[in-house]
Protein backbone atom coordinates (compact mmCIF):
# COMPACT_ATOMS: atom_id res chain seq x y z
CA MET A 1 73.27 3.77 -38.42
CA THR A 2 77.36 3.24 -38.04
CA GLU A 3 78.18 2.32 -34.01
CA LYS A 4 81.05 5.29 -33.10
CA THR A 5 84.49 3.65 -32.26
CA PRO A 6 84.64 4.62 -28.24
CA LYS A 7 87.05 6.83 -27.44
CA LYS A 8 90.07 5.57 -26.50
CA PRO A 9 90.61 6.27 -22.39
CA THR A 10 93.82 8.16 -21.77
CA ALA A 11 96.32 6.68 -19.85
CA THR A 12 95.78 8.57 -16.65
CA ALA A 13 92.42 7.58 -16.56
CA PRO A 14 90.50 5.55 -14.57
CA VAL A 15 88.39 3.09 -16.17
CA ASP A 16 85.15 4.12 -17.31
CA ARG A 17 82.74 1.59 -15.90
CA VAL A 18 79.50 2.67 -18.16
CA ALA A 19 81.13 3.10 -21.18
CA ALA A 20 83.33 -0.09 -20.75
CA ASP A 21 80.10 -1.95 -19.82
CA THR A 22 78.37 -0.63 -23.00
CA HIS A 23 81.33 -1.45 -25.46
CA LEU A 24 82.07 -5.13 -23.99
CA ARG A 25 78.25 -5.76 -24.69
CA ALA A 26 77.71 -4.37 -27.93
CA VAL A 27 80.93 -6.14 -29.31
CA ASP A 28 80.84 -9.72 -28.01
CA PRO A 29 77.62 -11.22 -26.81
CA VAL A 30 78.65 -14.14 -25.23
CA LEU A 31 81.24 -12.05 -23.16
CA ALA A 32 78.28 -10.07 -22.28
CA LYS A 33 76.58 -13.65 -20.90
CA VAL A 34 79.49 -13.93 -18.45
CA MET A 35 79.22 -10.00 -17.06
CA ASP A 36 75.19 -10.93 -16.62
CA ARG A 37 76.22 -13.63 -13.89
CA ALA A 38 79.22 -12.47 -12.46
CA GLY A 39 78.00 -9.13 -11.92
CA PRO A 40 79.11 -5.61 -12.17
CA PHE A 41 83.49 -4.95 -13.09
CA ARG A 42 84.89 -4.44 -9.29
CA PRO A 43 88.90 -5.17 -9.21
CA GLU A 44 90.49 -5.53 -5.86
CA PRO A 45 91.87 -2.16 -5.29
CA ARG A 46 95.73 -2.91 -4.06
CA ALA A 47 97.37 -1.18 -1.03
CA GLU A 48 100.42 -0.30 -2.14
CA PRO A 49 101.37 3.39 -2.46
CA ASP A 50 103.38 3.82 -5.05
CA VAL A 51 105.02 1.60 -8.13
CA PHE A 52 108.18 0.93 -6.10
CA HIS A 53 106.33 -1.01 -3.72
CA ALA A 54 103.85 -2.71 -5.96
CA LEU A 55 107.04 -4.19 -7.79
CA MET A 56 108.33 -4.90 -4.66
CA ARG A 57 105.43 -6.83 -3.35
CA ALA A 58 105.31 -8.91 -6.89
CA ILE A 59 108.92 -10.19 -6.63
CA ILE A 60 108.12 -11.47 -3.27
CA TYR A 61 104.87 -13.12 -3.96
CA GLN A 62 106.32 -15.03 -7.24
CA GLN A 63 105.69 -18.12 -7.12
CA LEU A 64 104.64 -18.67 -3.62
CA SER A 65 101.07 -19.28 -1.80
CA GLY A 66 99.72 -16.16 -0.73
CA LYS A 67 100.14 -17.43 3.46
CA ALA A 68 104.06 -18.14 2.68
CA ALA A 69 104.45 -14.84 0.53
CA GLY A 70 102.84 -12.57 3.05
CA THR A 71 104.88 -13.81 6.13
CA ILE A 72 108.10 -13.18 4.04
CA TYR A 73 106.89 -9.88 2.58
CA ARG A 74 106.13 -8.56 6.41
CA ARG A 75 109.63 -10.30 7.65
CA VAL A 76 111.37 -8.04 5.20
CA LEU A 77 109.96 -5.41 6.01
CA ASP A 78 110.69 -5.70 9.83
CA ALA A 79 114.02 -6.41 8.62
CA VAL A 80 114.56 -3.33 6.74
CA GLY A 81 113.05 -0.92 9.59
CA GLY A 82 110.93 0.82 6.81
CA GLY A 83 107.03 0.12 8.20
CA SER A 84 105.28 -0.48 5.40
CA GLU A 85 106.87 1.70 3.09
CA PRO A 86 110.70 1.52 3.19
CA GLY A 87 112.00 2.85 0.03
CA ALA A 88 114.47 1.98 -2.58
CA ALA A 89 116.91 3.78 -0.57
CA GLN A 90 116.23 1.37 2.71
CA ILE A 91 116.45 -1.84 0.41
CA ALA A 92 119.71 -0.84 -1.42
CA ALA A 93 121.53 -0.17 2.29
CA THR A 94 120.32 -3.51 4.12
CA SER A 95 123.27 -6.36 3.49
CA VAL A 96 122.47 -9.51 1.58
CA GLU A 97 122.39 -11.54 5.11
CA THR A 98 119.29 -9.56 6.07
CA LEU A 99 117.32 -9.49 3.29
CA ARG A 100 118.27 -13.74 2.97
CA GLY A 101 117.42 -13.97 6.53
CA ALA A 102 114.10 -12.34 6.09
CA GLY A 103 113.05 -15.60 3.71
CA LEU A 104 114.06 -14.32 0.41
CA SER A 105 115.30 -16.71 -1.98
CA ALA A 106 119.21 -15.70 -3.49
CA ASN A 107 117.17 -14.48 -7.00
CA LYS A 108 114.66 -12.86 -5.32
CA GLU A 109 117.09 -10.79 -3.20
CA ARG A 110 118.79 -10.19 -6.29
CA ALA A 111 116.00 -8.48 -8.29
CA LEU A 112 114.69 -6.54 -4.80
CA ARG A 113 118.41 -4.65 -4.83
CA GLY A 114 117.94 -4.45 -8.49
CA LEU A 115 114.56 -2.55 -8.64
CA ALA A 116 115.76 -0.67 -5.69
CA ASP A 117 119.33 0.39 -7.57
CA ALA A 118 117.25 1.04 -10.48
CA THR A 119 115.06 3.34 -8.93
CA LEU A 120 117.81 5.15 -7.19
CA ALA A 121 119.60 5.73 -10.51
CA GLY A 122 116.47 7.23 -12.32
CA ASP A 123 117.17 4.11 -14.50
CA VAL A 124 113.28 3.40 -14.49
CA PRO A 125 110.50 6.02 -14.49
CA SER A 126 109.66 8.11 -11.51
CA GLU A 127 106.72 7.85 -10.06
CA ALA A 128 106.02 11.38 -11.01
CA ASP A 129 106.09 10.21 -14.67
CA ILE A 130 104.70 7.46 -14.87
CA GLY A 131 101.25 8.27 -15.12
CA GLU A 132 102.30 9.92 -18.86
CA ILE A 133 103.98 6.71 -20.02
CA SER A 134 102.49 4.35 -22.35
CA ASP A 135 101.45 1.09 -21.47
CA GLU A 136 104.38 -0.90 -23.82
CA ASP A 137 106.49 1.79 -22.40
CA LEU A 138 106.43 0.45 -18.90
CA VAL A 139 106.40 -2.80 -19.76
CA LYS A 140 109.59 -2.51 -21.81
CA ALA A 141 111.11 -0.77 -18.87
CA PHE A 142 110.23 -2.39 -16.09
CA SER A 143 110.95 -6.10 -17.35
CA ALA A 144 114.42 -4.84 -18.27
CA LEU A 145 114.87 -5.88 -14.86
CA ARG A 146 116.02 -8.94 -13.14
CA GLY A 147 113.07 -10.96 -11.75
CA ILE A 148 110.20 -8.74 -13.06
CA GLY A 149 109.23 -10.20 -16.60
CA ARG A 150 106.06 -8.64 -18.54
CA TRP A 151 103.65 -10.71 -16.56
CA THR A 152 104.38 -8.53 -13.36
CA VAL A 153 104.40 -5.58 -14.99
CA GLU A 154 101.01 -6.11 -16.59
CA MET A 155 99.40 -6.78 -13.10
CA LEU A 156 101.33 -3.34 -12.16
CA LEU A 157 98.91 -1.47 -15.31
CA LEU A 158 95.96 -3.55 -14.03
CA PHE A 159 95.57 -3.33 -10.52
CA HIS A 160 98.11 -0.66 -9.52
CA LEU A 161 97.39 1.79 -12.00
CA GLU A 162 94.19 0.79 -13.15
CA ARG A 163 94.85 1.15 -16.91
CA PRO A 164 91.75 0.36 -19.16
CA ASP A 165 93.46 -1.50 -22.00
CA VAL A 166 95.73 -3.88 -20.78
CA LEU A 167 95.41 -7.65 -21.71
CA PRO A 168 97.29 -10.34 -20.29
CA ILE A 169 97.70 -13.10 -23.02
CA HIS A 170 100.34 -15.15 -21.08
CA ASP A 171 97.98 -15.04 -17.94
CA LEU A 172 96.95 -19.11 -17.31
CA GLY A 173 93.64 -17.73 -15.65
CA VAL A 174 92.47 -15.52 -18.52
CA ARG A 175 93.58 -18.34 -21.38
CA LYS A 176 91.00 -20.70 -18.58
CA GLY A 177 88.38 -18.36 -18.59
CA PHE A 178 88.20 -17.97 -22.42
CA ALA A 179 88.33 -21.42 -23.14
CA ARG A 180 85.65 -21.82 -20.96
CA THR A 181 83.64 -18.71 -22.11
CA TYR A 182 83.63 -19.74 -25.55
CA GLY A 183 83.67 -23.56 -25.76
CA TRP A 184 87.17 -24.40 -26.68
CA ASP A 185 88.79 -27.91 -25.72
CA GLU A 186 92.26 -26.34 -25.07
CA LEU A 187 93.22 -23.07 -23.98
CA PRO A 188 93.83 -20.43 -26.34
CA LYS A 189 97.73 -19.86 -27.64
CA PRO A 190 98.58 -16.33 -26.81
CA TYR A 191 98.99 -15.53 -30.33
CA GLU A 192 95.12 -16.44 -30.89
CA LEU A 193 93.96 -14.75 -27.56
CA ALA A 194 95.70 -11.54 -28.91
CA SER A 195 93.83 -11.73 -32.17
CA ARG A 196 90.57 -12.74 -30.87
CA CYS A 197 90.45 -10.18 -28.07
CA GLU A 198 90.97 -7.32 -30.32
CA LEU A 199 87.16 -6.30 -30.66
CA TRP A 200 87.58 -6.06 -26.78
CA ARG A 201 89.67 -2.55 -27.38
CA PRO A 202 89.72 0.14 -25.41
CA TYR A 203 88.60 -2.20 -22.64
CA ARG A 204 90.57 -5.48 -22.60
CA SER A 205 91.56 -4.90 -18.78
CA VAL A 206 87.72 -5.29 -18.29
CA ALA A 207 87.25 -8.00 -20.04
CA SER A 208 90.62 -9.80 -18.67
CA TRP A 209 89.04 -9.18 -15.29
CA TYR A 210 85.91 -11.18 -16.57
CA MET A 211 87.63 -13.99 -17.90
CA TRP A 212 89.33 -14.45 -14.23
CA ARG A 213 85.47 -14.31 -13.10
CA ALA A 214 84.56 -16.74 -15.71
CA THR A 215 86.99 -19.77 -13.57
CA GLU A 216 84.84 -19.59 -11.02
CA LEU A 217 81.49 -19.65 -13.00
CA ASP A 218 79.28 -23.40 -13.31
CA PHE A 219 79.13 -23.13 -16.67
CA ASN A 220 76.89 -26.60 -16.95
């Protein structure tokens, strides 16, 4: 009997954890062993109220330790006087000196202001429409902005929007987890990861989460 191809999740639907578990175990017995050891899929929820604030946080956190980034993030929120949800208009109205004084580098200040300006101008997808836009179109729209690369948008898709079929092929943790899981002596190149992991569709987000968990497991 031929195995049925799982129905592709819609862009707005959360991950069907039971279906994902069943599919990934069926197509990849090696991954199934990691799943057994790591336990059920349980991604950490993100607290940002919308995509603008999720990307704002991502910009500030780039290339910094969690503690240092968290300190600067709180300083920025205090500086713009917007509580936890200042919004694009308040960011755009805040002076360069104020944002730099809160600890932002020149590049991050420009990136954050560019995100705010693009949001206000309607040059990026609105919060109301974003649920119906494909993963790749969102990557193209947001990564066109200064300081926001493909990886940042993929993290947005994975954790904030909870899209079910995202594979961040350039993510170091996913590549390390893959090498450990499948016994590779070297990290897979991004194109190798993309090709090898096609069998995980349409639940590559879930499998990617297990690759991160694999970096924490003892394989001895």
